[in-house]
Each structure stands twice: as structure tokens, then as C-alpha cells.
């Protein structure tokens, strides 16, 4: 599968957000597996190490 520049930029953005969230133990990032333009994942805050159950929608492109 080949990616155009826009798709590659989107993948890089999702990967960057995932890596940043992975290093910050106060949030979880959950990528959405839908290939379109728009929301690429959810960031969910953790309180006392536990997920709050309230994801925030976060566009990886902007």
C-alpha cells in the first residue's frame, strides 16, 4: 500500500501523539482505526492511575 503525503503526515501525527501519551502515565491514547480525515484517536485522562472513562476527541492533524 502506498501513502500520499497527506496520509503519511496523518500517520506520523498519530504515531507522535501515541508516543507522547505513552510517556505520560496520566493519559491513555486510543487510535481510531478509521481511515478518513478528522478525529484520529481519543486521549483519556487517568486519575490515580485509573482511566476516567471520559475520552476527549483529539485531531492528530490541525
C-alpha atoms as a PDB file:
ATOM      1  CA  UNK A   1       0.000   0.000   0.000  1.00  0.00           C
ATOM      2  CA  UNK A   2       1.353   3.402  -0.925  1.00  0.00           C
ATOM      3  CA  UNK A   3       0.670   6.551   1.061  1.00  0.00           C
ATOM      4  CA  UNK A   4       0.335  10.030  -0.370  1.00  0.00           C
ATOM      5  CA  UNK A   5       1.857  12.972   1.530  1.00  0.00           C
ATOM      6  CA  UNK A   6      -1.364  13.711   3.405  1.00  0.00           C
ATOM      7  CA  UNK A   7      -1.779  10.115   4.593  1.00  0.00           C
ATOM      8  CA  UNK A   8       1.876   9.943   5.614  1.00  0.00           C
ATOM      9  CA  UNK A   9       1.552  13.181   7.590  1.00  0.00           C
ATOM     10  CA  UNK A  10      -1.561  11.820   9.331  1.00  0.00           C
ATOM     11  CA  UNK A  11       0.224   8.561  10.240  1.00  0.00           C
ATOM     12  CA  UNK A  12       3.215  10.482  11.586  1.00  0.00           C
ATOM     13  CA  UNK A  13       0.888  12.671  13.675  1.00  0.00           C
ATOM     14  CA  UNK A  14      -0.919   9.675  15.162  1.00  0.00           C
ATOM     15  CA  UNK A  15       2.397   7.983  15.928  1.00  0.00           C
ATOM     16  CA  UNK A  16       3.758  11.123  17.612  1.00  0.00           C
ATOM     17  CA  UNK A  17       0.659  11.584  19.785  1.00  0.00           C
ATOM     18  CA  UNK A  18       0.753   7.883  20.723  1.00  0.00           C
ATOM     19  CA  UNK A  19       4.413   8.119  21.752  1.00  0.00           C
ATOM     20  CA  UNK A  20       3.852  11.307  23.769  1.00  0.00           C
ATOM     21  CA  UNK A  21       0.853   9.804  25.563  1.00  0.00           C
ATOM     22  CA  UNK A  22       2.751   6.564  26.193  1.00  0.00           C
ATOM     23  CA  UNK A  23       5.445   8.501  28.055  1.00  0.00           C
ATOM     24  CA  UNK A  24       2.884  10.405  30.123  1.00  0.00           C
ATOM     25  CA  UNK A  25       1.329   7.962  32.572  1.00  0.00           C
ATOM     26  CA  UNK A  26      -1.530  10.360  33.340  1.00  0.00           C
ATOM     27  CA  UNK A  27      -3.215   9.769  29.944  1.00  0.00           C
ATOM     28  CA  UNK A  28      -4.053   6.957  27.521  1.00  0.00           C
ATOM     29  CA  UNK A  29      -4.246   7.371  23.748  1.00  0.00           C
ATOM     30  CA  UNK A  30      -6.525   5.128  21.743  1.00  0.00           C
ATOM     31  CA  UNK A  31      -6.200   5.353  17.989  1.00  0.00           C
ATOM     32  CA  UNK A  32      -9.389   5.008  15.968  1.00  0.00           C
ATOM     33  CA  UNK A  33      -8.962   2.570  13.081  1.00  0.00           C
ATOM     34  CA  UNK A  34     -10.962   4.621  10.578  1.00  0.00           C
ATOM     35  CA  UNK A  35      -9.106   5.889   7.530  1.00  0.00           C
ATOM     36  CA  UNK A  36     -10.557   9.330   6.872  1.00  0.00           C
ATOM     37  CA  UNK A  37      -9.923  12.973   7.610  1.00  0.00           C
ATOM     38  CA  UNK A  38     -10.937  14.059  11.081  1.00  0.00           C
ATOM     39  CA  UNK A  39     -10.651  12.506  14.527  1.00  0.00           C
ATOM     40  CA  UNK A  40      -7.766  10.039  14.709  1.00  0.00           C
ATOM     41  CA  UNK A  41      -7.989   8.984  18.326  1.00  0.00           C
ATOM     42  CA  UNK A  42      -9.086   9.602  21.875  1.00  0.00           C
ATOM     43  CA  UNK A  43      -6.977  10.822  24.770  1.00  0.00           C
ATOM     44  CA  UNK A  44      -8.321   9.757  28.131  1.00  0.00           C
ATOM     45  CA  UNK A  45      -7.067  11.214  31.399  1.00  0.00           C
ATOM     46  CA  UNK A  46      -6.071   8.912  34.239  1.00  0.00           C
ATOM     47  CA  UNK A  47      -6.718   9.835  37.859  1.00  0.00           C
ATOM     48  CA  UNK A  48      -4.765   7.930  40.499  1.00  0.00           C
ATOM     49  CA  UNK A  49      -3.592   5.600  37.726  1.00  0.00           C
ATOM     50  CA  UNK A  50      -7.101   4.672  36.615  1.00  0.00           C
ATOM     51  CA  UNK A  51      -8.893   5.753  33.418  1.00  0.00           C
ATOM     52  CA  UNK A  52     -11.710   8.242  33.970  1.00  0.00           C
ATOM     53  CA  UNK A  53     -13.917   6.770  31.246  1.00  0.00           C
ATOM     54  CA  UNK A  54     -14.234  10.184  29.621  1.00  0.00           C
ATOM     55  CA  UNK A  55     -12.248  10.279  26.389  1.00  0.00           C
ATOM     56  CA  UNK A  56     -11.521  13.574  24.709  1.00  0.00           C
ATOM     57  CA  UNK A  57     -11.603  13.660  20.911  1.00  0.00           C
ATOM     58  CA  UNK A  58      -8.300  14.825  19.504  1.00  0.00           C
ATOM     59  CA  UNK A  59      -7.453  15.502  15.867  1.00  0.00           C
ATOM     60  CA  UNK A  60      -3.889  14.496  15.023  1.00  0.00           C
ATOM     61  CA  UNK A  61      -3.856  16.944  12.120  1.00  0.00           C
ATOM     62  CA  UNK A  62      -4.501  20.578  12.632  1.00  0.00           C
END
